[in-house]
Amino acid sequence: MKSNKIKKLEDKKSKVLKRLPPLTEVLRATLAKRYLTCGRSNCKCQRGQKHGPFYYLSITLGVGKTKQIQVSPEDLPVIRRWIKNYRNTRIVLEQVSLINTEILQAKKRNRSL
């Protein structure tokens, strides 16, 4: 039979899991805004008025491997939401992991009583 503490921790875990965003809407990336200069000598960018903004996603593929993708300004609201969802997913997973650790410790204490 579950102890009262374990039951409370399971309830807490259920509440935390409800904050999990849709996993189909996550993106592990960094969004950057850049202004660029071109090579034309008579262009306004040579006088300080750079071209842009241009938006890029930076995605780490592995150790020492990063991919950059230019994205459309129209996609920015969705991209920002997906990046935020990814960060929130990580937070929820860390909280669930901590709760599971507490549950395991509580079960161990119950067995030793």
PDB file of N, CA and C in Angstrom:
ATOM      1  N   MET A   1       0.836  -1.184   0.000  1.00  0.00           N
ATOM      2  CA  MET A   1       0.000   0.000   0.000  1.00  0.00           C
ATOM      3  C   MET A   1       0.883   1.251   0.000  1.00  0.00           C
ATOM      4  N   LYS A   2       0.495   2.226  -0.790  1.00  0.00           N
ATOM      5  CA  LYS A   2       1.282   3.454  -0.885  1.00  0.00           C
ATOM      6  C   LYS A   2       1.104   4.295   0.364  1.00  0.00           C
ATOM      7  N   SER A   3       2.218   4.866   0.798  1.00  0.00           N
ATOM      8  CA  SER A   3       2.138   5.769   1.941  1.00  0.00           C
ATOM      9  C   SER A   3       1.499   7.078   1.498  1.00  0.00           C
ATOM     10  N   ASN A   4       1.078   7.860   2.479  1.00  0.00           N
ATOM     11  CA  ASN A   4       0.463   9.158   2.207  1.00  0.00           C
ATOM     12  C   ASN A   4       1.442  10.077   1.479  1.00  0.00           C
ATOM     13  N   LYS A   5       2.732  10.017   1.848  1.00  0.00           N
ATOM     14  CA  LYS A   5       3.747  10.852   1.208  1.00  0.00           C
ATOM     15  C   LYS A   5       3.906  10.486  -0.264  1.00  0.00           C
ATOM     16  N   ILE A   6       3.934   9.197  -0.552  1.00  0.00           N
ATOM     17  CA  ILE A   6       4.077   8.750  -1.939  1.00  0.00           C
ATOM     18  C   ILE A   6       2.861   9.175  -2.751  1.00  0.00           C
ATOM     19  N   LYS A   7       1.680   9.049  -2.171  1.00  0.00           N
ATOM     20  CA  LYS A   7       0.453   9.470  -2.856  1.00  0.00           C
ATOM     21  C   LYS A   7       0.512  10.968  -3.184  1.00  0.00           C
ATOM     22  N   LYS A   8       0.970  11.770  -2.247  1.00  0.00           N
ATOM     23  CA  LYS A   8       1.082  13.214  -2.476  1.00  0.00           C
ATOM     24  C   LYS A   8       2.101  13.518  -3.580  1.00  0.00           C
ATOM     25  N   LEU A   9       3.200  12.787  -3.574  1.00  0.00           N
ATOM     26  CA  LEU A   9       4.204  12.979  -4.617  1.00  0.00           C
ATOM     27  C   LEU A   9       3.675  12.566  -5.993  1.00  0.00           C
ATOM     28  N   GLU A  10       2.914  11.481  -6.050  1.00  0.00           N
ATOM     29  CA  GLU A  10       2.311  11.054  -7.323  1.00  0.00           C
ATOM     30  C   GLU A  10       1.322  12.113  -7.824  1.00  0.00           C
ATOM     31  N   ASP A  11       0.540  12.688  -6.906  1.00  0.00           N
ATOM     32  CA  ASP A  11      -0.401  13.754  -7.287  1.00  0.00           C
ATOM     33  C   ASP A  11       0.352  14.987  -7.793  1.00  0.00           C
ATOM     34  N   LYS A  12       1.447  15.312  -7.102  1.00  0.00           N
ATOM     35  CA  LYS A  12       2.273  16.458  -7.512  1.00  0.00           C
ATOM     36  C   LYS A  12       2.844  16.220  -8.913  1.00  0.00           C
ATOM     37  N   LYS A  13       3.293  14.993  -9.159  1.00  0.00           N
ATOM     38  CA  LYS A  13       3.850  14.649 -10.468  1.00  0.00           C
ATOM     39  C   LYS A  13       2.780  14.780 -11.558  1.00  0.00           C
ATOM     40  N   SER A  14       1.573  14.360 -11.269  1.00  0.00           N
ATOM     41  CA  SER A  14       0.481  14.485 -12.245  1.00  0.00           C
ATOM     42  C   SER A  14       0.212  15.947 -12.586  1.00  0.00           C
ATOM     43  N   LYS A  15       0.237  16.803 -11.574  1.00  0.00           N
ATOM     44  CA  LYS A  15       0.022  18.235 -11.813  1.00  0.00           C
ATOM     45  C   LYS A  15       1.143  18.834 -12.656  1.00  0.00           C
ATOM     46  N   VAL A  16       2.372  18.439 -12.367  1.00  0.00           N
ATOM     47  CA  VAL A  16       3.520  18.942 -13.133  1.00  0.00           C
ATOM     48  C   VAL A  16       3.419  18.490 -14.588  1.00  0.00           C
ATOM     49  N   LEU A  17       3.031  17.241 -14.801  1.00  0.00           N
ATOM     50  CA  LEU A  17       2.938  16.705 -16.162  1.00  0.00           C
ATOM     51  C   LEU A  17       1.862  17.400 -16.991  1.00  0.00           C
ATOM     52  N   LYS A  18       0.861  17.955 -16.347  1.00  0.00           N
ATOM     53  CA  LYS A  18      -0.178  18.693 -17.064  1.00  0.00           C
ATOM     54  C   LYS A  18       0.371  19.978 -17.680  1.00  0.00           C
ATOM     55  N   ARG A  19       1.505  20.453 -17.183  1.00  0.00           N
ATOM     56  CA  ARG A  19       2.131  21.664 -17.729  1.00  0.00           C
ATOM     57  C   ARG A  19       3.014  21.359 -18.939  1.00  0.00           C
ATOM     58  N   LEU A  20       3.116  20.092 -19.276  1.00  0.00           N
ATOM     59  CA  LEU A  20       3.942  19.690 -20.417  1.00  0.00           C
ATOM     60  C   LEU A  20       3.305  20.190 -21.713  1.00  0.00           C
ATOM     61  N   PRO A  21       4.060  20.939 -22.521  1.00  0.00           N
ATOM     62  CA  PRO A  21       3.501  21.413 -23.794  1.00  0.00           C
ATOM     63  C   PRO A  21       3.374  20.259 -24.784  1.00  0.00           C
ATOM     64  N   PRO A  22       2.636  20.483 -25.885  1.00  0.00           N
ATOM     65  CA  PRO A  22       2.535  19.422 -26.889  1.00  0.00           C
ATOM     66  C   PRO A  22       3.921  19.073 -27.439  1.00  0.00           C
ATOM     67  N   LEU A  23       4.270  17.822 -27.385  1.00  0.00           N
ATOM     68  CA  LEU A  23       5.605  17.410 -27.810  1.00  0.00           C
ATOM     69  C   LEU A  23       5.796  17.497 -29.321  1.00  0.00           C
ATOM     70  N   THR A  24       4.716  17.695 -30.057  1.00  0.00           N
ATOM     71  CA  THR A  24       4.825  17.896 -31.499  1.00  0.00           C
ATOM     72  C   THR A  24       5.188  19.340 -31.827  1.00  0.00           C
ATOM     73  N   GLU A  25       5.236  20.187 -30.792  1.00  0.00           N
ATOM     74  CA  GLU A  25       5.527  21.605 -30.993  1.00  0.00           C
ATOM     75  C   GLU A  25       6.723  22.050 -30.154  1.00  0.00           C
ATOM     76  N   VAL A  26       7.837  21.349 -30.312  1.00  0.00           N
ATOM     77  CA  VAL A  26       9.069  21.716 -29.623  1.00  0.00           C
ATOM     78  C   VAL A  26      10.198  21.853 -30.638  1.00  0.00           C
ATOM     79  N   LEU A  27      11.123  22.732 -30.336  1.00  0.00           N
ATOM     80  CA  LEU A  27      12.269  22.947 -31.218  1.00  0.00           C
ATOM     81  C   LEU A  27      13.481  23.289 -30.361  1.00  0.00           C
ATOM     82  N   ARG A  28      14.526  22.453 -30.459  1.00  0.00           N
ATOM     83  CA  ARG A  28      15.768  22.695 -29.734  1.00  0.00           C
ATOM     84  C   ARG A  28      16.674  23.497 -30.655  1.00  0.00           C
ATOM     85  N   ALA A  29      16.618  24.808 -30.486  1.00  0.00           N
ATOM     86  CA  ALA A  29      17.385  25.704 -31.347  1.00  0.00           C
ATOM     87  C   ALA A  29      17.522  27.060 -30.670  1.00  0.00           C
ATOM     88  N   THR A  30      18.384  27.878 -31.241  1.00  0.00           N
ATOM     89  CA  THR A  30      18.552  29.257 -30.808  1.00  0.00           C
ATOM     90  C   THR A  30      18.204  30.140 -31.997  1.00  0.00           C
ATOM     91  N   LEU A  31      17.444  31.191 -31.728  1.00  0.00           N
ATOM     92  CA  LEU A  31      17.042  32.122 -32.779  1.00  0.00           C
ATOM     93  C   LEU A  31      17.933  33.359 -32.700  1.00  0.00           C
ATOM     94  N   ALA A  32      18.476  33.750 -33.854  1.00  0.00           N
ATOM     95  CA  ALA A  32      19.347  34.929 -33.907  1.00  0.00           C
ATOM     96  C   ALA A  32      18.854  35.882 -34.986  1.00  0.00           C
ATOM     97  N   LYS A  33      19.019  37.172 -34.717  1.00  0.00           N
ATOM     98  CA  LYS A  33      18.682  38.215 -35.680  1.00  0.00           C
ATOM     99  C   LYS A  33      19.985  38.860 -36.113  1.00  0.00           C
ATOM    100  N   ARG A  34      20.169  38.985 -37.433  1.00  0.00           N
ATOM    101  CA  ARG A  34      21.417  39.547 -37.946  1.00  0.00           C
ATOM    102  C   ARG A  34      21.140  40.637 -38.975  1.00  0.00           C
ATOM    103  N   TYR A  35      22.087  41.558 -39.032  1.00  0.00           N
ATOM    104  CA  TYR A  35      22.116  42.587 -40.070  1.00  0.00           C
ATOM    105  C   TYR A  35      23.429  42.397 -40.813  1.00  0.00           C
ATOM    106  N   LEU A  36      23.378  42.438 -42.126  1.00  0.00           N
ATOM    107  CA  LEU A  36      24.547  42.087 -42.926  1.00  0.00           C
ATOM    108  C   LEU A  36      24.976  43.218 -43.852  1.00  0.00           C
ATOM    109  N   THR A  37      26.223  43.130 -44.266  1.00  0.00           N
ATOM    110  CA  THR A  37      26.747  44.044 -45.275  1.00  0.00           C
ATOM    111  C   THR A  37      27.071  43.230 -46.526  1.00  0.00           C
ATOM    112  N   CYS A  38      26.934  43.886 -47.671  1.00  0.00           N
ATOM    113  CA  CYS A  38      27.273  43.223 -48.931  1.00  0.00           C
ATOM    114  C   CYS A  38      28.610  43.773 -49.429  1.00  0.00           C
ATOM    115  N   GLY A  39      29.021  43.346 -50.571  1.00  0.00           N
ATOM    116  CA  GLY A  39      30.317  43.755 -51.087  1.00  0.00           C
ATOM    117  C   GLY A  39      30.290  44.960 -52.024  1.00  0.00           C
ATOM    118  N   ARG A  40      29.113  45.483 -52.309  1.00  0.00           N
ATOM    119  CA  ARG A  40      29.046  46.606 -53.253  1.00  0.00           C
ATOM    120  C   ARG A  40      29.559  47.884 -52.584  1.00  0.00           C
ATOM    121  N   SER A  41      30.452  48.578 -53.241  1.00  0.00           N
ATOM    122  CA  SER A  41      31.077  49.763 -52.646  1.00  0.00           C
ATOM    123  C   SER A  41      30.127  50.950 -52.530  1.00  0.00           C
ATOM    124  N   ASN A  42      29.135  51.045 -53.380  1.00  0.00           N
ATOM    125  CA  ASN A  42      28.218  52.186 -53.327  1.00  0.00           C
ATOM    126  C   ASN A  42      26.922  51.874 -52.576  1.00  0.00           C
ATOM    127  N   CYS A  43      26.842  50.760 -51.871  1.00  0.00           N
ATOM    128  CA  CYS A  43      25.621  50.357 -51.164  1.00  0.00           C
ATOM    129  C   CYS A  43      25.504  51.095 -49.830  1.00  0.00           C
ATOM    130  N   LYS A  44      24.277  51.269 -49.388  1.00  0.00           N
ATOM    131  CA  LYS A  44      24.016  51.948 -48.111  1.00  0.00           C
ATOM    132  C   LYS A  44      24.650  51.217 -46.930  1.00  0.00           C
ATOM    133  N   CYS A  45      24.832  49.905 -47.053  1.00  0.00           N
ATOM    134  CA  CYS A  45      25.402  49.145 -45.938  1.00  0.00           C
ATOM    135  C   CYS A  45      26.861  49.523 -45.687  1.00  0.00           C
ATOM    136  N   GLN A  46      27.530  50.043 -46.687  1.00  0.00           N
ATOM    137  CA  GLN A  46      28.909  50.483 -46.505  1.00  0.00           C
ATOM    138  C   GLN A  46      28.968  51.778 -45.697  1.00  0.00           C
ATOM    139  N   ARG A  47      27.830  52.456 -45.596  1.00  0.00           N
ATOM    140  CA  ARG A  47      27.746  53.691 -44.811  1.00  0.00           C
ATOM    141  C   ARG A  47      27.064  53.453 -43.455  1.00  0.00           C
ATOM    142  N   GLY A  48      26.880  52.186 -43.080  1.00  0.00           N
ATOM    143  CA  GLY A  48      26.352  51.878 -41.764  1.00  0.00           C
ATOM    144  C   GLY A  48      24.907  51.397 -41.731  1.00  0.00           C
ATOM    145  N   GLN A  49      24.173  51.494 -42.826  1.00  0.00           N
ATOM    146  CA  GLN A  49      22.781  51.035 -42.870  1.00  0.00           C
ATOM    147  C   GLN A  49      22.752  49.602 -43.405  1.00  0.00           C
ATOM    148  N   LYS A  50      22.943  48.655 -42.516  1.00  0.00           N
ATOM    149  CA  LYS A  50      23.072  47.259 -42.929  1.00  0.00           C
ATOM    150  C   LYS A  50      21.752  46.684 -43.433  1.00  0.00           C
ATOM    151  N   HIS A  51      21.864  45.605 -44.207  1.00  0.00           N
ATOM    152  CA  HIS A  51      20.701  44.890 -44.730  1.00  0.00           C
ATOM    153  C   HIS A  51      20.118  44.025 -43.616  1.00  0.00           C
ATOM    154  N   GLY A  52      18.805  43.928 -43.600  1.00  0.00           N
ATOM    155  CA  GLY A  52      18.189  43.043 -42.621  1.00  0.00           C
ATOM    156  C   GLY A  52      17.023  43.698 -41.936  1.00  0.00           C
ATOM    157  N   PRO A  53      16.524  43.090 -40.926  1.00  0.00           N
ATOM    158  CA  PRO A  53      17.098  41.932 -40.227  1.00  0.00           C
ATOM    159  C   PRO A  53      16.837  40.616 -40.958  1.00  0.00           C
ATOM    160  N   PHE A  54      17.767  39.698 -40.755  1.00  0.00           N
ATOM    161  CA  PHE A  54      17.630  38.329 -41.217  1.00  0.00           C
ATOM    162  C   PHE A  54      17.615  37.447 -39.972  1.00  0.00           C
ATOM    163  N   TYR A  55      16.781  36.426 -39.992  1.00  0.00           N
ATOM    164  CA  TYR A  55      16.625  35.551 -38.830  1.00  0.00           C
ATOM    165  C   TYR A  55      17.165  34.166 -39.146  1.00  0.00           C
ATOM    166  N   TYR A  56      17.916  33.630 -38.197  1.00  0.00           N
ATOM    167  CA  TYR A  56      18.549  32.320 -38.359  1.00  0.00           C
ATOM    168  C   TYR A  56      18.278  31.451 -37.142  1.00  0.00           C
ATOM    169  N   LEU A  57      18.059  30.171 -37.410  1.00  0.00           N
ATOM    170  CA  LEU A  57      18.024  29.177 -36.350  1.00  0.00           C
ATOM    171  C   LEU A  57      19.383  28.515 -36.301  1.00  0.00           C
ATOM    172  N   SER A  58      19.909  28.360 -35.114  1.00  0.00           N
ATOM    173  CA  SER A  58      21.150  27.637 -34.919  1.00  0.00           C
ATOM    174  C   SER A  58      20.811  26.352 -34.172  1.00  0.00           C
ATOM    175  N   ILE A  59      21.131  25.228 -34.789  1.00  0.00           N
ATOM    176  CA  ILE A  59      20.791  23.919 -34.230  1.00  0.00           C
ATOM    177  C   ILE A  59      22.065  23.099 -34.096  1.00  0.00           C
ATOM    178  N   THR A  60      22.330  22.617 -32.887  1.00  0.00           N
ATOM    179  CA  THR A  60      23.491  21.775 -32.653  1.00  0.00           C
ATOM    180  C   THR A  60      23.129  20.340 -33.006  1.00  0.00           C
ATOM    181  N   LEU A  61      23.905  19.754 -33.911  1.00  0.00           N
ATOM    182  CA  LEU A  61      23.641  18.395 -34.377  1.00  0.00           C
ATOM    183  C   LEU A  61      24.483  17.364 -33.642  1.00  0.00           C
ATOM    184  N   GLY A  62      25.539  17.787 -33.046  1.00  0.00           N
ATOM    185  CA  GLY A  62      26.435  16.894 -32.335  1.00  0.00           C
ATOM    186  C   GLY A  62      27.653  17.682 -31.913  1.00  0.00           C
ATOM    187  N   VAL A  63      28.635  16.992 -31.388  1.00  0.00           N
ATOM    188  CA  VAL A  63      29.838  17.656 -30.912  1.00  0.00           C
ATOM    189  C   VAL A  63      30.526  18.359 -32.086  1.00  0.00           C
ATOM    190  N   GLY A  64      30.611  19.667 -31.994  1.00  0.00           N
ATOM    191  CA  GLY A  64      31.290  20.450 -33.013  1.00  0.00           C
ATOM    192  C   GLY A  64      30.527  20.622 -34.314  1.00  0.00           C
ATOM    193  N   LYS A  65      29.262  20.199 -34.356  1.00  0.00           N
ATOM    194  CA  LYS A  65      28.478  20.319 -35.585  1.00  0.00           C
ATOM    195  C   LYS A  65      27.240  21.170 -35.320  1.00  0.00           C
ATOM    196  N   THR A  66      27.186  22.304 -35.980  1.00  0.00           N
ATOM    197  CA  THR A  66      26.056  23.214 -35.848  1.00  0.00           C
ATOM    198  C   THR A  66      25.520  23.531 -37.232  1.00  0.00           C
ATOM    199  N   LYS A  67      24.219  23.590 -37.328  1.00  0.00           N
ATOM    200  CA  LYS A  67      23.564  23.925 -38.583  1.00  0.00           C
ATOM    201  C   LYS A  67      22.805  25.228 -38.390  1.00  0.00           C
ATOM    202  N   GLN A  68      22.904  26.123 -39.374  1.00  0.00           N
ATOM    203  CA  GLN A  68      22.144  27.368 -39.337  1.00  0.00           C
ATOM    204  C   GLN A  68      21.169  27.378 -40.495  1.00  0.00           C
ATOM    205  N   ILE A  69      19.946  27.783 -40.189  1.00  0.00           N
ATOM    206  CA  ILE A  69      18.888  27.828 -41.187  1.00  0.00           C
ATOM    207  C   ILE A  69      18.289  29.226 -41.167  1.00  0.00           C
ATOM    208  N   GLN A  70      18.229  29.865 -42.330  1.00  0.00           N
ATOM    209  CA  GLN A  70      17.557  31.157 -42.395  1.00  0.00           C
ATOM    210  C   GLN A  70      16.051  30.906 -42.398  1.00  0.00           C
ATOM    211  N   VAL A  71      15.326  31.689 -41.585  1.00  0.00           N
ATOM    212  CA  VAL A  71      13.876  31.511 -41.472  1.00  0.00           C
ATOM    213  C   VAL A  71      13.159  32.796 -41.847  1.00  0.00           C
ATOM    214  N   SER A  72      11.941  32.635 -42.244  1.00  0.00           N
ATOM    215  CA  SER A  72      11.115  33.758 -42.672  1.00  0.00           C
ATOM    216  C   SER A  72      10.563  34.501 -41.452  1.00  0.00           C
ATOM    217  N   PRO A  73      10.466  35.830 -41.522  1.00  0.00           N
ATOM    218  CA  PRO A  73       9.872  36.592 -40.424  1.00  0.00           C
ATOM    219  C   PRO A  73       8.442  36.153 -40.095  1.00  0.00           C
ATOM    220  N   GLU A  74       7.709  35.648 -41.094  1.00  0.00           N
ATOM    221  CA  GLU A  74       6.342  35.183 -40.836  1.00  0.00           C
ATOM    222  C   GLU A  74       6.312  33.969 -39.914  1.00  0.00           C
ATOM    223  N   ASP A  75       7.397  33.197 -39.903  1.00  0.00           N
ATOM    224  CA  ASP A  75       7.458  31.998 -39.066  1.00  0.00           C
ATOM    225  C   ASP A  75       7.910  32.281 -37.635  1.00  0.00           C
ATOM    226  N   LEU A  76       8.301  33.496 -37.343  1.00  0.00           N
ATOM    227  CA  LEU A  76       8.871  33.813 -36.026  1.00  0.00           C
ATOM    228  C   LEU A  76       7.938  33.507 -34.854  1.00  0.00           C
ATOM    229  N   PRO A  77       6.645  33.846 -34.915  1.00  0.00           N
ATOM    230  CA  PRO A  77       5.789  33.518 -33.760  1.00  0.00           C
ATOM    231  C   PRO A  77       5.759  32.020 -33.438  1.00  0.00           C
ATOM    232  N   VAL A  78       5.659  31.191 -34.467  1.00  0.00           N
ATOM    233  CA  VAL A  78       5.641  29.735 -34.257  1.00  0.00           C
ATOM    234  C   VAL A  78       6.991  29.264 -33.740  1.00  0.00           C
ATOM    235  N   ILE A  79       8.061  29.751 -34.332  1.00  0.00           N
ATOM    236  CA  ILE A  79       9.406  29.343 -33.911  1.00  0.00           C
ATOM    237  C   ILE A  79       9.647  29.715 -32.452  1.00  0.00           C
ATOM    238  N   ARG A  80       9.292  30.925 -32.084  1.00  0.00           N
ATOM    239  CA  ARG A  80       9.483  31.357 -30.684  1.00  0.00           C
ATOM    240  C   ARG A  80       8.675  30.490 -29.725  1.00  0.00           C
ATOM    241  N   ARG A  81       7.436  30.154 -30.117  1.00  0.00           N
ATOM    242  CA  ARG A  81       6.599  29.305 -29.262  1.00  0.00           C
ATOM    243  C   ARG A  81       7.219  27.917 -29.129  1.00  0.00           C
ATOM    244  N   TRP A  82       7.710  27.347 -30.241  1.00  0.00           N
ATOM    245  CA  TRP A  82       8.309  26.014 -30.186  1.00  0.00           C
ATOM    246  C   TRP A  82       9.562  25.992 -29.333  1.00  0.00           C
ATOM    247  N   ILE A  83      10.393  27.034 -29.430  1.00  0.00           N
ATOM    248  CA  ILE A  83      11.603  27.105 -28.606  1.00  0.00           C
ATOM    249  C   ILE A  83      11.222  27.221 -27.129  1.00  0.00           C
ATOM    250  N   LYS A  84      10.227  28.048 -26.841  1.00  0.00           N
ATOM    251  CA  LYS A  84       9.750  28.184 -25.455  1.00  0.00           C
ATOM    252  C   LYS A  84       9.190  26.854 -24.952  1.00  0.00           C
ATOM    253  N   ASN A  85       8.447  26.145 -25.814  1.00  0.00           N
ATOM    254  CA  ASN A  85       7.912  24.836 -25.427  1.00  0.00           C
ATOM    255  C   ASN A  85       9.039  23.852 -25.111  1.00  0.00           C
ATOM    256  N   TYR A  86      10.118  23.910 -25.880  1.00  0.00           N
ATOM    257  CA  TYR A  86      11.252  23.017 -25.610  1.00  0.00           C
ATOM    258  C   TYR A  86      11.841  23.316 -24.225  1.00  0.00           C
ATOM    259  N   ARG A  87      12.031  24.598 -23.945  1.00  0.00           N
ATOM    260  CA  ARG A  87      12.578  24.977 -22.631  1.00  0.00           C
ATOM    261  C   ARG A  87      11.646  24.541 -21.509  1.00  0.00           C
ATOM    262  N   ASN A  88      10.338  24.734 -21.701  1.00  0.00           N
ATOM    263  CA  ASN A  88       9.373  24.316 -20.681  1.00  0.00           C
ATOM    264  C   ASN A  88       9.356  22.805 -20.519  1.00  0.00           C
ATOM    265  N   THR A  89       9.532  22.073 -21.612  1.00  0.00           N
ATOM    266  CA  THR A  89       9.592  20.611 -21.541  1.00  0.00           C
ATOM    267  C   THR A  89      10.769  20.171 -20.687  1.00  0.00           C
ATOM    268  N   ARG A  90      11.905  20.804 -20.889  1.00  0.00           N
ATOM    269  CA  ARG A  90      13.091  20.461 -20.084  1.00  0.00           C
ATOM    270  C   ARG A  90      12.842  20.736 -18.599  1.00  0.00           C
ATOM    271  N   ILE A  91      12.196  21.858 -18.301  1.00  0.00           N
ATOM    272  CA  ILE A  91      11.896  22.198 -16.908  1.00  0.00           C
ATOM    273  C   ILE A  91      10.972  21.149 -16.291  1.00  0.00           C
ATOM    274  N   VAL A  92       9.916  20.774 -17.018  1.00  0.00           N
ATOM    275  CA  VAL A  92       8.974  19.775 -16.513  1.00  0.00           C
ATOM    276  C   VAL A  92       9.687  18.438 -16.304  1.00  0.00           C
ATOM    277  N   LEU A  93      10.529  18.031 -17.247  1.00  0.00           N
ATOM    278  CA  LEU A  93      11.252  16.763 -17.099  1.00  0.00           C
ATOM    279  C   LEU A  93      12.160  16.764 -15.873  1.00  0.00           C
ATOM    280  N   GLU A  94      12.815  17.888 -15.627  1.00  0.00           N
ATOM    281  CA  GLU A  94      13.670  17.984 -14.424  1.00  0.00           C
ATOM    282  C   GLU A  94      12.832  17.872 -13.154  1.00  0.00           C
ATOM    283  N   GLN A  95      11.664  18.516 -13.147  1.00  0.00           N
ATOM    284  CA  GLN A  95      10.801  18.450 -11.971  1.00  0.00           C
ATOM    285  C   GLN A  95      10.277  17.041 -11.748  1.00  0.00           C
ATOM    286  N   VAL A  96       9.885  16.358 -12.825  1.00  0.00           N
ATOM    287  CA  VAL A  96       9.400  14.980 -12.707  1.00  0.00           C
ATOM    288  C   VAL A  96      10.529  14.083 -12.201  1.00  0.00           C
ATOM    289  N   SER A  97      11.735  14.304 -12.699  1.00  0.00           N
ATOM    290  CA  SER A  97      12.875  13.510 -12.252  1.00  0.00           C
ATOM    291  C   SER A  97      13.118  13.687 -10.747  1.00  0.00           C
ATOM    292  N   LEU A  98      13.028  14.925 -10.278  1.00  0.00           N
ATOM    293  CA  LEU A  98      13.206  15.178  -8.840  1.00  0.00           C
ATOM    294  C   LEU A  98      12.107  14.511  -8.011  1.00  0.00           C
ATOM    295  N   ILE A  99      10.877  14.593  -8.495  1.00  0.00           N
ATOM    296  CA  ILE A  99       9.759  13.957  -7.785  1.00  0.00           C
ATOM    297  C   ILE A  99       9.947  12.448  -7.757  1.00  0.00           C
ATOM    298  N   ASN A 100      10.374  11.866  -8.889  1.00  0.00           N
ATOM    299  CA  ASN A 100      10.610  10.421  -8.923  1.00  0.00           C
ATOM    300  C   ASN A 100      11.705  10.010  -7.947  1.00  0.00           C
ATOM    301  N   THR A 101      12.710  10.854  -7.800  1.00  0.00           N
ATOM    302  CA  THR A 101      13.766  10.578  -6.823  1.00  0.00           C
ATOM    303  C   THR A 101      13.189  10.556  -5.411  1.00  0.00           C
ATOM    304  N   GLU A 102      12.332  11.528  -5.124  1.00  0.00           N
ATOM    305  CA  GLU A 102      11.682  11.567  -3.800  1.00  0.00           C
ATOM    306  C   GLU A 102      10.806  10.334  -3.584  1.00  0.00           C
ATOM    307  N   ILE A 103      10.085   9.898  -4.628  1.00  0.00           N
ATOM    308  CA  ILE A 103       9.247   8.701  -4.513  1.00  0.00           C
ATOM    309  C   ILE A 103      10.093   7.476  -4.201  1.00  0.00           C
ATOM    310  N   LEU A 104      11.214   7.328  -4.901  1.00  0.00           N
ATOM    311  CA  LEU A 104      12.096   6.178  -4.648  1.00  0.00           C
ATOM    312  C   LEU A 104      12.648   6.202  -3.229  1.00  0.00           C
ATOM    313  N   GLN A 105      13.014   7.394  -2.756  1.00  0.00           N
ATOM    314  CA  GLN A 105      13.521   7.506  -1.392  1.00  0.00           C
ATOM    315  C   GLN A 105      12.429   7.175  -0.369  1.00  0.00           C
ATOM    316  N   ALA A 106      11.198   7.624  -0.637  1.00  0.00           N
ATOM    317  CA  ALA A 106      10.087   7.335   0.271  1.00  0.00           C
ATOM    318  C   ALA A 106       9.782   5.841   0.291  1.00  0.00           C
ATOM    319  N   LYS A 107       9.842   5.184  -0.864  1.00  0.00           N
ATOM    320  CA  LYS A 107       9.612   3.737  -0.922  1.00  0.00           C
ATOM    321  C   LYS A 107      10.682   2.980  -0.150  1.00  0.00           C
ATOM    322  N   LYS A 108      11.924   3.445  -0.265  1.00  0.00           N
ATOM    323  CA  LYS A 108      13.018   2.802   0.456  1.00  0.00           C
ATOM    324  C   LYS A 108      12.810   2.932   1.964  1.00  0.00           C
ATOM    325  N   ARG A 109      12.402   4.122   2.405  1.00  0.00           N
ATOM    326  CA  ARG A 109      12.138   4.335   3.848  1.00  0.00           C
ATOM    327  C   ARG A 109      10.996   3.442   4.313  1.00  0.00           C
ATOM    328  N   ASN A 110       9.948   3.299   3.491  1.00  0.00           N
ATOM    329  CA  ASN A 110       8.810   2.465   3.870  1.00  0.00           C
ATOM    330  C   ASN A 110       9.202   1.001   4.008  1.00  0.00           C
ATOM    331  N   ARG A 111      10.094   0.534   3.136  1.00  0.00           N
ATOM    332  CA  ARG A 111      10.520  -0.869   3.201  1.00  0.00           C
ATOM    333  C   ARG A 111      11.390  -1.126   4.429  1.00  0.00           C
ATOM    334  N   SER A 112      12.118  -0.117   4.859  1.00  0.00           N
ATOM    335  CA  SER A 112      13.026  -0.324   5.999  1.00  0.00           C
ATOM    336  C   SER A 112      12.325  -0.168   7.340  1.00  0.00           C
ATOM    337  N   LEU A 113      11.054   0.216   7.326  1.00  0.00           N
ATOM    338  CA  LEU A 113      10.311   0.358   8.596  1.00  0.00           C
ATOM    339  C   LEU A 113       9.862  -0.952   9.141  1.00  0.00           C
TER     340      LEU A 113
END
